[in-house]
């Protein structure tokens, strides 16, 4: 069997992914999201954040973000459509002509796109090998790694904002709301849909913060 490449453009498990793996190995096991059944329960959102609070706090520290920022995104994302629908959408886009790019599929408890995760992890999203893509998909479907990857993506979005240099403890609620809109809309964060997402984030931020206690 050929060795898994660890250097160059064909690298599979790169330094960033290895670092995240090492990080989560030293933390409590993550609780997953709803895979089989749809759900829209605030009690379940609270439980998910509470069960994963040590992971969320660790990811926030690593990324230079307030823990409630990550918890607030989790509150928005962890319920809703079951995970198997993400798998079905991804497989369909891979195999059916005329469908969207499969790497635009959002997966995992905090719903991050495959291509965004690739960028966060330092891969070239336009030239992924099959083995690299498999590693990325596996990582974002893993509840613990998903938290760290999503947190790193939020940190990258913050770096592109007008409050890039604001320390996490000084971030305002309005800045966190904008960052949530950026998480949802990317470069189109000023769109109506992304702004609505930001308002939804803000309306539940206190609940998400409370779940971290």
N, C-alpha and C. Protein backbone atom coordinates (compact mmCIF):
# COMPACT_ATOMS: atom_id res chain seq x y z
N UNK A 1 0.85 -1.20 0.00
CA UNK A 1 0.00 0.00 0.00
C UNK A 1 0.88 1.25 0.00
N UNK A 2 0.60 2.22 -0.85
CA UNK A 2 1.38 3.45 -0.91
C UNK A 2 1.19 4.26 0.37
N UNK A 3 2.24 4.95 0.76
CA UNK A 3 2.15 5.81 1.94
C UNK A 3 1.26 7.01 1.65
N UNK A 4 0.57 7.49 2.69
CA UNK A 4 -0.25 8.69 2.55
C UNK A 4 0.67 9.90 2.45
N UNK A 5 0.55 10.69 1.39
CA UNK A 5 1.44 11.84 1.24
C UNK A 5 1.25 12.86 2.35
N UNK A 6 2.37 13.40 2.83
CA UNK A 6 2.32 14.37 3.92
C UNK A 6 2.93 15.70 3.54
N UNK A 7 3.42 15.82 2.31
CA UNK A 7 4.01 17.07 1.86
C UNK A 7 3.58 17.35 0.44
N UNK A 8 3.65 18.62 0.04
CA UNK A 8 3.35 19.00 -1.34
C UNK A 8 1.86 19.14 -1.59
N UNK A 9 1.50 19.30 -2.87
CA UNK A 9 0.11 19.58 -3.23
C UNK A 9 -0.80 18.39 -3.02
N UNK A 10 -0.23 17.19 -2.86
CA UNK A 10 -1.05 16.00 -2.67
C UNK A 10 -1.22 15.62 -1.20
N UNK A 11 -0.79 16.51 -0.32
CA UNK A 11 -0.92 16.22 1.11
C UNK A 11 -2.37 15.90 1.46
N UNK A 12 -2.57 14.89 2.29
CA UNK A 12 -3.92 14.47 2.68
C UNK A 12 -4.27 15.08 4.04
N UNK A 13 -3.67 14.56 5.10
CA UNK A 13 -3.89 15.13 6.44
C UNK A 13 -2.80 16.16 6.68
N UNK A 14 -3.10 17.43 6.42
CA UNK A 14 -2.07 18.46 6.50
C UNK A 14 -1.87 18.94 7.93
N UNK A 15 -0.99 19.94 8.09
CA UNK A 15 -0.63 20.40 9.43
C UNK A 15 -1.83 20.93 10.20
N UNK A 16 -2.69 21.69 9.53
CA UNK A 16 -3.86 22.27 10.22
C UNK A 16 -4.81 21.19 10.71
N UNK A 17 -5.07 20.20 9.86
CA UNK A 17 -5.98 19.12 10.24
C UNK A 17 -5.36 18.26 11.34
N UNK A 18 -4.07 18.03 11.25
CA UNK A 18 -3.38 17.25 12.28
C UNK A 18 -3.41 18.00 13.62
N UNK A 19 -3.24 19.32 13.56
CA UNK A 19 -3.29 20.12 14.79
C UNK A 19 -4.66 20.03 15.45
N UNK A 20 -5.72 20.12 14.65
CA UNK A 20 -7.07 20.03 15.19
C UNK A 20 -7.31 18.65 15.78
N UNK A 21 -6.84 17.61 15.09
CA UNK A 21 -7.00 16.25 15.61
C UNK A 21 -6.31 16.11 16.96
N UNK A 22 -5.09 16.62 17.05
CA UNK A 22 -4.36 16.55 18.32
C UNK A 22 -5.09 17.33 19.42
N UNK A 23 -5.64 18.46 19.04
CA UNK A 23 -6.35 19.31 20.00
C UNK A 23 -7.58 18.60 20.56
N UNK A 24 -8.39 18.02 19.69
CA UNK A 24 -9.63 17.39 20.17
C UNK A 24 -9.34 16.11 20.94
N UNK A 25 -8.21 15.48 20.67
CA UNK A 25 -7.86 14.25 21.39
C UNK A 25 -7.70 14.52 22.88
N UNK A 26 -7.36 15.75 23.25
CA UNK A 26 -7.16 16.08 24.65
C UNK A 26 -8.37 16.69 25.32
N UNK A 27 -9.53 16.65 24.65
CA UNK A 27 -10.74 17.28 25.17
C UNK A 27 -11.86 16.25 25.30
N UNK A 28 -12.93 16.59 26.03
CA UNK A 28 -14.05 15.64 26.16
C UNK A 28 -14.64 15.27 24.81
N UNK A 29 -15.18 14.07 24.74
CA UNK A 29 -15.81 13.61 23.49
C UNK A 29 -17.00 14.51 23.15
N UNK A 30 -17.14 14.80 21.87
CA UNK A 30 -18.21 15.71 21.43
C UNK A 30 -19.55 14.99 21.34
N UNK A 31 -20.60 15.74 21.58
CA UNK A 31 -21.96 15.25 21.33
C UNK A 31 -22.37 15.68 19.93
N UNK A 32 -22.94 14.76 19.16
CA UNK A 32 -23.32 15.06 17.79
C UNK A 32 -24.65 15.76 17.68
N UNK A 33 -25.02 16.09 16.44
CA UNK A 33 -26.31 16.73 16.18
C UNK A 33 -27.37 15.71 15.83
N UNK A 34 -28.46 16.19 15.25
CA UNK A 34 -29.54 15.28 14.87
C UNK A 34 -29.27 14.72 13.47
N UNK A 35 -28.99 13.43 13.41
CA UNK A 35 -28.65 12.83 12.12
C UNK A 35 -29.87 12.26 11.41
N UNK A 36 -30.76 11.60 12.16
CA UNK A 36 -31.84 10.86 11.50
C UNK A 36 -33.15 11.62 11.41
N UNK A 37 -33.49 12.41 12.40
CA UNK A 37 -34.80 13.05 12.44
C UNK A 37 -34.67 14.57 12.46
N UNK A 38 -35.58 15.27 11.75
CA UNK A 38 -35.57 16.73 11.84
C UNK A 38 -35.97 17.18 13.24
N UNK A 39 -35.47 18.32 13.65
CA UNK A 39 -35.77 18.81 14.99
C UNK A 39 -35.66 20.33 15.01
N UNK A 40 -36.48 20.95 15.86
CA UNK A 40 -36.42 22.40 16.00
C UNK A 40 -36.67 22.77 17.46
N UNK A 41 -35.90 22.11 18.33
CA UNK A 41 -36.12 22.24 19.77
C UNK A 41 -35.05 23.11 20.41
N UNK A 42 -35.46 24.18 21.08
CA UNK A 42 -34.51 25.00 21.82
C UNK A 42 -33.88 24.23 22.97
N UNK A 43 -34.64 23.30 23.55
CA UNK A 43 -34.07 22.47 24.61
C UNK A 43 -32.90 21.65 24.08
N UNK A 44 -33.05 21.11 22.88
CA UNK A 44 -31.98 20.33 22.28
C UNK A 44 -30.80 21.21 21.89
N UNK A 45 -31.07 22.42 21.43
CA UNK A 45 -29.99 23.37 21.14
C UNK A 45 -29.18 23.66 22.41
N UNK A 46 -29.90 23.94 23.49
CA UNK A 46 -29.26 24.22 24.77
C UNK A 46 -28.41 23.03 25.21
N UNK A 47 -28.97 21.83 25.09
CA UNK A 47 -28.25 20.63 25.51
C UNK A 47 -27.00 20.41 24.67
N UNK A 48 -27.10 20.63 23.36
CA UNK A 48 -25.95 20.43 22.47
C UNK A 48 -24.81 21.36 22.87
N UNK A 49 -25.12 22.61 23.10
CA UNK A 49 -24.08 23.58 23.47
C UNK A 49 -23.52 23.25 24.84
N UNK A 50 -24.39 22.92 25.78
CA UNK A 50 -23.94 22.58 27.13
C UNK A 50 -23.04 21.35 27.12
N UNK A 51 -23.44 20.33 26.36
CA UNK A 51 -22.65 19.09 26.29
C UNK A 51 -21.28 19.33 25.65
N UNK A 52 -21.20 20.32 24.76
CA UNK A 52 -19.96 20.59 24.03
C UNK A 52 -19.25 21.86 24.50
N UNK A 53 -19.61 22.34 25.69
CA UNK A 53 -19.10 23.64 26.11
C UNK A 53 -17.58 23.69 26.25
N UNK A 54 -16.96 22.60 26.68
CA UNK A 54 -15.50 22.63 26.81
C UNK A 54 -14.83 22.70 25.44
N UNK A 55 -15.38 22.02 24.46
CA UNK A 55 -14.86 22.10 23.09
C UNK A 55 -15.05 23.50 22.52
N UNK A 56 -16.22 24.06 22.75
CA UNK A 56 -16.51 25.41 22.24
C UNK A 56 -15.57 26.43 22.86
N UNK A 57 -15.36 26.34 24.16
CA UNK A 57 -14.46 27.29 24.83
C UNK A 57 -13.02 27.13 24.34
N UNK A 58 -12.60 25.88 24.12
CA UNK A 58 -11.24 25.64 23.63
C UNK A 58 -11.07 26.18 22.22
N UNK A 59 -12.06 25.94 21.36
CA UNK A 59 -12.00 26.44 19.99
C UNK A 59 -12.00 27.96 19.96
N UNK A 60 -12.80 28.57 20.83
CA UNK A 60 -12.85 30.03 20.91
C UNK A 60 -11.49 30.60 21.32
N UNK A 61 -10.86 29.98 22.29
CA UNK A 61 -9.55 30.44 22.75
C UNK A 61 -8.53 30.34 21.62
N UNK A 62 -8.54 29.22 20.90
CA UNK A 62 -7.59 29.02 19.80
C UNK A 62 -7.80 30.04 18.69
N UNK A 63 -9.06 30.40 18.43
CA UNK A 63 -9.39 31.26 17.30
C UNK A 63 -9.45 32.74 17.65
N UNK A 64 -9.34 33.07 18.93
CA UNK A 64 -9.41 34.46 19.34
C UNK A 64 -10.80 35.05 19.23
N UNK A 65 -11.80 34.27 19.66
CA UNK A 65 -13.20 34.70 19.57
C UNK A 65 -13.88 34.54 20.93
N UNK A 66 -14.94 35.29 21.18
CA UNK A 66 -15.72 35.05 22.40
C UNK A 66 -16.41 33.68 22.30
N UNK A 67 -16.43 32.89 23.36
CA UNK A 67 -17.10 31.59 23.29
C UNK A 67 -18.56 31.70 22.87
N UNK A 68 -19.24 32.78 23.29
CA UNK A 68 -20.65 32.92 22.93
C UNK A 68 -20.84 33.15 21.43
N UNK A 69 -19.80 33.61 20.74
CA UNK A 69 -19.89 33.76 19.29
C UNK A 69 -20.07 32.40 18.64
N UNK A 70 -19.27 31.46 19.05
CA UNK A 70 -19.36 30.11 18.50
C UNK A 70 -20.64 29.43 18.97
N UNK A 71 -20.97 29.61 20.23
CA UNK A 71 -22.20 29.01 20.76
C UNK A 71 -23.42 29.57 20.04
N UNK A 72 -23.40 30.86 19.72
CA UNK A 72 -24.53 31.47 19.02
C UNK A 72 -24.72 30.91 17.63
N UNK A 73 -23.62 30.64 16.92
CA UNK A 73 -23.72 30.01 15.61
C UNK A 73 -24.24 28.59 15.77
N UNK A 74 -23.74 27.88 16.77
CA UNK A 74 -24.23 26.53 17.02
C UNK A 74 -25.74 26.53 17.27
N UNK A 75 -26.21 27.53 18.03
CA UNK A 75 -27.66 27.61 18.32
C UNK A 75 -28.45 27.73 17.02
N UNK A 76 -27.91 28.46 16.06
CA UNK A 76 -28.60 28.64 14.78
C UNK A 76 -28.57 27.39 13.92
N UNK A 77 -27.54 26.56 14.08
CA UNK A 77 -27.28 25.52 13.08
C UNK A 77 -27.56 24.09 13.51
N UNK A 78 -27.50 23.79 14.81
CA UNK A 78 -27.44 22.38 15.18
C UNK A 78 -28.76 21.64 15.05
N UNK A 79 -29.86 22.34 14.95
CA UNK A 79 -31.15 21.68 14.74
C UNK A 79 -31.55 21.81 13.27
N UNK A 80 -32.79 21.54 12.96
CA UNK A 80 -33.23 21.66 11.57
C UNK A 80 -33.19 20.33 10.83
N UNK A 81 -32.78 20.38 9.56
CA UNK A 81 -32.77 19.16 8.74
C UNK A 81 -31.78 18.15 9.30
N UNK A 82 -32.11 16.86 9.23
CA UNK A 82 -31.20 15.83 9.73
C UNK A 82 -29.96 15.69 8.87
N UNK A 83 -28.90 15.15 9.47
CA UNK A 83 -27.62 15.04 8.78
C UNK A 83 -27.65 14.17 7.54
N UNK A 84 -28.52 13.17 7.52
CA UNK A 84 -28.52 12.28 6.35
C UNK A 84 -28.94 13.03 5.09
N UNK A 85 -29.70 14.11 5.23
CA UNK A 85 -30.06 14.90 4.05
C UNK A 85 -28.83 15.60 3.46
N UNK A 86 -27.91 16.02 4.31
CA UNK A 86 -26.65 16.60 3.83
C UNK A 86 -25.87 15.55 3.03
N UNK A 87 -25.81 14.34 3.58
CA UNK A 87 -25.11 13.26 2.87
C UNK A 87 -25.75 12.99 1.52
N UNK A 88 -27.08 12.96 1.51
CA UNK A 88 -27.80 12.69 0.26
C UNK A 88 -27.55 13.80 -0.75
N UNK A 89 -27.58 15.05 -0.30
CA UNK A 89 -27.33 16.18 -1.20
C UNK A 89 -25.92 16.12 -1.76
N UNK A 90 -24.97 15.78 -0.92
CA UNK A 90 -23.57 15.71 -1.35
C UNK A 90 -23.38 14.62 -2.39
N UNK A 91 -23.93 13.44 -2.12
CA UNK A 91 -23.81 12.33 -3.07
C UNK A 91 -24.51 12.66 -4.38
N UNK A 92 -25.69 13.27 -4.29
CA UNK A 92 -26.43 13.61 -5.50
C UNK A 92 -25.67 14.61 -6.36
N UNK A 93 -25.08 15.60 -5.72
CA UNK A 93 -24.33 16.62 -6.47
C UNK A 93 -23.07 16.04 -7.09
N UNK A 94 -22.53 15.00 -6.48
CA UNK A 94 -21.35 14.35 -7.04
C UNK A 94 -21.69 13.53 -8.28
N UNK A 95 -22.89 12.98 -8.31
CA UNK A 95 -23.21 11.98 -9.33
C UNK A 95 -24.23 12.40 -10.37
N UNK A 96 -24.99 13.46 -10.11
CA UNK A 96 -26.03 13.87 -11.05
C UNK A 96 -25.58 15.08 -11.85
N UNK A 97 -25.63 15.00 -13.18
CA UNK A 97 -25.23 16.14 -14.00
C UNK A 97 -26.19 17.31 -13.83
N UNK A 98 -25.66 18.52 -13.94
CA UNK A 98 -26.50 19.70 -13.88
C UNK A 98 -26.83 20.18 -12.49
N UNK A 99 -26.27 19.54 -11.46
CA UNK A 99 -26.54 19.95 -10.08
C UNK A 99 -25.43 20.88 -9.59
N UNK A 100 -25.61 21.43 -8.39
CA UNK A 100 -24.62 22.34 -7.82
C UNK A 100 -23.30 21.62 -7.55
N UNK A 101 -22.26 22.41 -7.40
CA UNK A 101 -20.95 21.90 -7.01
C UNK A 101 -21.09 21.19 -5.66
N UNK A 102 -20.71 19.91 -5.57
CA UNK A 102 -20.87 19.19 -4.30
C UNK A 102 -20.10 19.84 -3.15
N UNK A 103 -19.01 20.54 -3.48
CA UNK A 103 -18.21 21.16 -2.42
C UNK A 103 -18.88 22.39 -1.83
N UNK A 104 -20.03 22.78 -2.38
CA UNK A 104 -20.83 23.84 -1.78
C UNK A 104 -21.82 23.29 -0.75
N UNK A 105 -21.84 21.98 -0.57
CA UNK A 105 -22.72 21.36 0.40
C UNK A 105 -22.26 21.69 1.82
N UNK A 106 -23.18 22.12 2.65
CA UNK A 106 -22.88 22.38 4.07
C UNK A 106 -23.12 21.11 4.86
N UNK A 107 -22.17 20.78 5.73
CA UNK A 107 -22.25 19.52 6.47
C UNK A 107 -21.80 19.73 7.91
N UNK A 108 -22.18 18.78 8.75
CA UNK A 108 -21.77 18.81 10.15
C UNK A 108 -22.70 19.64 11.01
N UNK A 109 -22.57 19.52 12.33
CA UNK A 109 -23.48 20.22 13.24
C UNK A 109 -23.55 21.73 13.04
N UNK A 110 -22.42 22.36 12.66
CA UNK A 110 -22.42 23.82 12.48
C UNK A 110 -22.47 24.21 11.01
N UNK A 111 -22.81 23.27 10.16
CA UNK A 111 -23.15 23.52 8.75
C UNK A 111 -22.13 24.39 8.02
N UNK A 112 -20.94 23.85 7.83
CA UNK A 112 -19.92 24.55 7.07
C UNK A 112 -19.73 23.86 5.73
N UNK A 113 -19.60 24.64 4.67
CA UNK A 113 -19.43 24.08 3.34
C UNK A 113 -18.09 23.37 3.22
N UNK A 114 -18.08 22.33 2.39
CA UNK A 114 -16.85 21.57 2.15
C UNK A 114 -15.75 22.50 1.64
N UNK A 115 -16.08 23.37 0.71
CA UNK A 115 -15.06 24.26 0.12
C UNK A 115 -14.53 25.26 1.15
N UNK A 116 -15.40 25.75 2.03
CA UNK A 116 -14.95 26.67 3.07
C UNK A 116 -14.03 25.96 4.06
N UNK A 117 -14.39 24.73 4.41
CA UNK A 117 -13.53 23.95 5.31
C UNK A 117 -12.18 23.71 4.67
N UNK A 118 -12.17 23.44 3.36
CA UNK A 118 -10.90 23.23 2.65
C UNK A 118 -10.02 24.47 2.76
N UNK A 119 -10.62 25.64 2.56
CA UNK A 119 -9.86 26.90 2.66
C UNK A 119 -9.32 27.10 4.07
N UNK A 120 -10.16 26.86 5.06
CA UNK A 120 -9.76 27.03 6.46
C UNK A 120 -8.57 26.13 6.79
N UNK A 121 -8.59 24.91 6.25
CA UNK A 121 -7.55 23.94 6.55
C UNK A 121 -6.31 24.10 5.67
N UNK A 122 -6.34 25.07 4.76
CA UNK A 122 -5.16 25.35 3.96
C UNK A 122 -5.03 24.55 2.68
N UNK A 123 -6.10 23.89 2.27
CA UNK A 123 -6.10 23.18 0.98
C UNK A 123 -6.53 24.15 -0.13
N UNK A 124 -6.22 23.80 -1.35
CA UNK A 124 -6.72 24.53 -2.51
C UNK A 124 -8.07 23.94 -2.88
N UNK A 125 -9.18 24.64 -2.62
CA UNK A 125 -10.50 24.05 -2.86
C UNK A 125 -10.79 23.76 -4.33
N UNK A 126 -10.03 24.37 -5.22
CA UNK A 126 -10.25 24.16 -6.65
C UNK A 126 -9.47 22.96 -7.20
N UNK A 127 -8.56 22.42 -6.40
CA UNK A 127 -7.73 21.32 -6.88
C UNK A 127 -7.58 20.25 -5.80
N UNK A 128 -8.68 19.84 -5.22
CA UNK A 128 -8.65 18.80 -4.20
C UNK A 128 -8.52 17.43 -4.84
N UNK A 129 -7.68 16.59 -4.27
CA UNK A 129 -7.65 15.20 -4.68
C UNK A 129 -8.82 14.48 -3.99
N UNK A 130 -9.15 13.30 -4.47
CA UNK A 130 -10.24 12.53 -3.85
C UNK A 130 -9.93 12.24 -2.39
N UNK A 131 -8.67 11.92 -2.10
CA UNK A 131 -8.30 11.60 -0.72
C UNK A 131 -8.39 12.83 0.18
N UNK A 132 -7.99 13.98 -0.34
CA UNK A 132 -8.11 15.21 0.44
C UNK A 132 -9.56 15.53 0.73
N UNK A 133 -10.40 15.42 -0.29
CA UNK A 133 -11.82 15.72 -0.11
C UNK A 133 -12.43 14.76 0.93
N UNK A 134 -12.05 13.51 0.87
CA UNK A 134 -12.56 12.53 1.83
C UNK A 134 -12.16 12.91 3.25
N UNK A 135 -10.91 13.36 3.43
CA UNK A 135 -10.45 13.78 4.75
C UNK A 135 -11.22 14.99 5.26
N UNK A 136 -11.47 15.95 4.37
CA UNK A 136 -12.18 17.17 4.76
C UNK A 136 -13.61 16.86 5.15
N UNK A 137 -14.30 16.07 4.33
CA UNK A 137 -15.69 15.70 4.63
C UNK A 137 -15.76 14.95 5.95
N UNK A 138 -14.84 14.02 6.15
CA UNK A 138 -14.81 13.28 7.41
C UNK A 138 -14.62 14.21 8.60
N UNK A 139 -13.76 15.21 8.43
CA UNK A 139 -13.48 16.15 9.52
C UNK A 139 -14.69 17.00 9.87
N UNK A 140 -15.38 17.52 8.85
CA UNK A 140 -16.51 18.42 9.17
C UNK A 140 -17.74 17.64 9.65
N UNK A 141 -17.78 16.34 9.39
CA UNK A 141 -18.87 15.52 9.92
C UNK A 141 -18.59 15.06 11.35
N UNK A 142 -17.33 15.19 11.77
CA UNK A 142 -16.97 14.86 13.15
C UNK A 142 -17.36 16.04 14.05
N UNK A 143 -18.21 15.82 15.05
CA UNK A 143 -18.73 16.96 15.83
C UNK A 143 -17.65 17.82 16.48
N UNK A 144 -16.59 17.21 16.99
CA UNK A 144 -15.54 17.98 17.66
C UNK A 144 -14.73 18.79 16.65
N UNK A 145 -14.29 18.15 15.59
CA UNK A 145 -13.50 18.85 14.58
C UNK A 145 -14.34 19.93 13.90
N UNK A 146 -15.63 19.67 13.75
CA UNK A 146 -16.53 20.64 13.14
C UNK A 146 -16.54 21.95 13.92
N UNK A 147 -16.52 21.86 15.23
CA UNK A 147 -16.50 23.06 16.07
C UNK A 147 -15.23 23.86 15.81
N UNK A 148 -14.10 23.18 15.76
CA UNK A 148 -12.83 23.88 15.56
C UNK A 148 -12.71 24.46 14.15
N UNK A 149 -13.16 23.72 13.15
CA UNK A 149 -13.09 24.23 11.78
C UNK A 149 -14.02 25.43 11.60
N UNK A 150 -15.23 25.33 12.13
CA UNK A 150 -16.18 26.44 12.03
C UNK A 150 -15.66 27.67 12.77
N UNK A 151 -15.03 27.44 13.91
CA UNK A 151 -14.46 28.54 14.68
C UNK A 151 -13.33 29.22 13.92
N UNK A 152 -12.49 28.43 13.26
CA UNK A 152 -11.41 29.01 12.46
C UNK A 152 -11.97 29.81 11.28
N UNK A 153 -13.07 29.33 10.72
CA UNK A 153 -13.70 30.07 9.62
C UNK A 153 -14.22 31.41 10.13
N UNK A 154 -14.85 31.40 11.29
CA UNK A 154 -15.31 32.66 11.89
C UNK A 154 -14.14 33.62 12.12
N UNK A 155 -13.01 33.08 12.56
CA UNK A 155 -11.84 33.92 12.79
C UNK A 155 -11.34 34.54 11.48
N UNK A 156 -11.39 33.76 10.40
CA UNK A 156 -10.99 34.30 9.10
C UNK A 156 -11.94 35.40 8.65
N UNK A 157 -13.22 35.19 8.88
CA UNK A 157 -14.21 36.21 8.52
C UNK A 157 -14.01 37.48 9.35
N UNK A 158 -13.70 37.31 10.61
CA UNK A 158 -13.42 38.48 11.47
C UNK A 158 -12.21 39.25 10.95
N UNK A 159 -11.20 38.52 10.46
CA UNK A 159 -10.00 39.17 9.94
C UNK A 159 -10.28 40.02 8.71
N UNK A 160 -11.39 39.73 8.02
CA UNK A 160 -11.78 40.49 6.83
C UNK A 160 -12.70 41.66 7.17
N UNK A 161 -13.07 41.79 8.43
CA UNK A 161 -14.06 42.79 8.84
C UNK A 161 -13.39 44.09 9.29
N UNK A 162 -14.21 45.08 9.59
CA UNK A 162 -13.70 46.34 10.10
C UNK A 162 -13.32 46.30 11.57
N UNK A 163 -13.56 45.15 12.22
CA UNK A 163 -13.20 45.00 13.64
C UNK A 163 -12.19 43.86 13.82
N UNK A 164 -11.35 43.69 12.80
CA UNK A 164 -10.38 42.59 12.80
C UNK A 164 -9.47 42.60 14.03
N UNK A 165 -9.10 43.79 14.48
CA UNK A 165 -8.14 43.89 15.58
C UNK A 165 -8.79 44.01 16.95
N UNK A 166 -10.10 43.88 17.00
CA UNK A 166 -10.79 43.98 18.29
C UNK A 166 -10.58 42.70 19.09
N UNK A 167 -10.05 42.77 20.31
CA UNK A 167 -9.88 41.58 21.13
C UNK A 167 -11.22 40.91 21.41
N UNK A 168 -11.22 39.60 21.61
CA UNK A 168 -12.49 38.89 21.80
C UNK A 168 -13.33 39.42 22.95
N UNK A 169 -12.67 39.81 24.03
CA UNK A 169 -13.42 40.29 25.20
C UNK A 169 -14.01 41.68 24.98
N UNK A 170 -13.59 42.35 23.90
CA UNK A 170 -14.12 43.69 23.62
C UNK A 170 -15.09 43.71 22.43
N UNK A 171 -15.35 42.56 21.84
CA UNK A 171 -16.29 42.53 20.73
C UNK A 171 -17.69 42.90 21.20
N UNK A 172 -18.33 43.78 20.46
CA UNK A 172 -19.68 44.21 20.81
C UNK A 172 -20.70 43.23 20.25
N UNK A 173 -21.89 43.35 20.75
CA UNK A 173 -22.99 42.52 20.26
C UNK A 173 -23.24 42.78 18.77
N UNK A 174 -23.15 44.03 18.37
CA UNK A 174 -23.36 44.39 16.96
C UNK A 174 -22.29 43.76 16.07
N UNK A 175 -21.06 43.72 16.55
CA UNK A 175 -19.99 43.09 15.78
C UNK A 175 -20.22 41.59 15.66
N UNK A 176 -20.67 40.96 16.73
CA UNK A 176 -20.96 39.53 16.67
C UNK A 176 -22.11 39.25 15.72
N UNK A 177 -23.10 40.13 15.71
CA UNK A 177 -24.23 39.97 14.78
C UNK A 177 -23.73 40.06 13.34
N UNK A 178 -22.85 41.01 13.06
CA UNK A 178 -22.30 41.13 11.70
C UNK A 178 -21.49 39.88 11.34
N UNK A 179 -20.71 39.37 12.29
CA UNK A 179 -19.91 38.18 12.02
C UNK A 179 -20.80 36.98 11.73
N UNK A 180 -21.93 36.89 12.41
CA UNK A 180 -22.88 35.82 12.13
C UNK A 180 -23.43 35.95 10.71
N UNK A 181 -23.74 37.18 10.29
CA UNK A 181 -24.21 37.41 8.92
C UNK A 181 -23.14 37.03 7.91
N UNK A 182 -21.89 37.30 8.22
CA UNK A 182 -20.79 36.92 7.34
C UNK A 182 -20.66 35.40 7.27
N UNK A 183 -20.87 34.73 8.39
CA UNK A 183 -20.81 33.26 8.41
C UNK A 183 -21.86 32.67 7.48
N UNK A 184 -23.02 33.28 7.48
CA UNK A 184 -24.12 32.79 6.65
C UNK A 184 -23.99 33.19 5.20
N UNK A 185 -23.59 34.44 4.95
CA UNK A 185 -23.62 34.96 3.59
C UNK A 185 -22.29 35.13 2.91
N UNK A 186 -21.19 34.96 3.65
CA UNK A 186 -19.88 35.17 3.05
C UNK A 186 -19.76 36.58 2.49
N UNK A 187 -19.31 36.72 1.25
CA UNK A 187 -19.17 38.06 0.67
C UNK A 187 -20.51 38.77 0.48
N UNK A 188 -21.60 38.03 0.59
CA UNK A 188 -22.94 38.61 0.43
C UNK A 188 -23.62 38.80 1.78
N UNK A 189 -22.82 39.12 2.79
CA UNK A 189 -23.36 39.20 4.15
C UNK A 189 -24.35 40.34 4.34
N UNK A 190 -24.37 41.28 3.40
CA UNK A 190 -25.34 42.37 3.50
C UNK A 190 -26.66 42.03 2.83
N UNK A 191 -26.79 40.83 2.28
CA UNK A 191 -28.04 40.42 1.66
C UNK A 191 -29.13 40.28 2.71
N UNK A 192 -30.38 40.30 2.27
CA UNK A 192 -31.51 40.20 3.20
C UNK A 192 -31.46 38.91 4.01
N UNK A 193 -31.12 37.81 3.33
CA UNK A 193 -31.10 36.51 4.02
C UNK A 193 -30.02 36.47 5.09
N UNK A 194 -28.83 36.96 4.76
CA UNK A 194 -27.73 36.94 5.72
C UNK A 194 -28.00 37.88 6.89
N UNK A 195 -28.60 39.03 6.61
CA UNK A 195 -28.94 39.97 7.68
C UNK A 195 -30.01 39.38 8.60
N UNK A 196 -30.95 38.65 8.03
CA UNK A 196 -31.97 37.99 8.84
C UNK A 196 -31.33 36.93 9.73
N UNK A 197 -30.34 36.23 9.19
CA UNK A 197 -29.61 35.24 9.98
C UNK A 197 -28.91 35.93 11.16
N UNK A 198 -28.30 37.08 10.89
CA UNK A 198 -27.63 37.82 11.95
C UNK A 198 -28.59 38.25 13.05
N UNK A 199 -29.78 38.68 12.65
CA UNK A 199 -30.78 39.07 13.66
C UNK A 199 -31.24 37.86 14.46
N UNK A 200 -31.40 36.73 13.79
CA UNK A 200 -31.77 35.51 14.50
C UNK A 200 -30.69 35.10 15.50
N UNK A 201 -29.45 35.21 15.07
CA UNK A 201 -28.32 34.95 15.97
C UNK A 201 -28.39 35.84 17.20
N UNK A 202 -28.60 37.13 16.99
CA UNK A 202 -28.63 38.09 18.08
C UNK A 202 -29.78 37.81 19.05
N UNK A 203 -30.91 37.40 18.50
CA UNK A 203 -32.09 37.18 19.35
C UNK A 203 -31.91 35.99 20.30
N UNK A 204 -31.01 35.07 19.95
CA UNK A 204 -30.79 33.88 20.77
C UNK A 204 -29.42 33.86 21.44
N UNK A 205 -28.68 34.95 21.30
CA UNK A 205 -27.31 34.97 21.83
C UNK A 205 -27.27 34.77 23.34
N UNK A 206 -28.20 35.37 24.06
CA UNK A 206 -28.21 35.21 25.52
C UNK A 206 -28.49 33.76 25.91
N UNK A 207 -29.39 33.10 25.16
CA UNK A 207 -29.67 31.69 25.42
C UNK A 207 -28.43 30.84 25.18
N UNK A 208 -27.74 31.14 24.07
CA UNK A 208 -26.54 30.37 23.73
C UNK A 208 -25.45 30.58 24.79
N UNK A 209 -25.30 31.81 25.23
CA UNK A 209 -24.30 32.12 26.25
C UNK A 209 -24.64 31.41 27.56
N UNK A 210 -25.92 31.37 27.89
CA UNK A 210 -26.34 30.69 29.10
C UNK A 210 -26.06 29.20 29.07
N UNK A 211 -26.12 28.61 27.88
CA UNK A 211 -25.87 27.17 27.75
C UNK A 211 -24.41 26.82 27.98
N UNK A 212 -23.53 27.81 27.94
CA UNK A 212 -22.11 27.56 28.18
C UNK A 212 -21.77 27.49 29.66
N UNK A 213 -22.70 27.89 30.51
CA UNK A 213 -22.42 27.95 31.95
C UNK A 213 -22.41 26.56 32.57
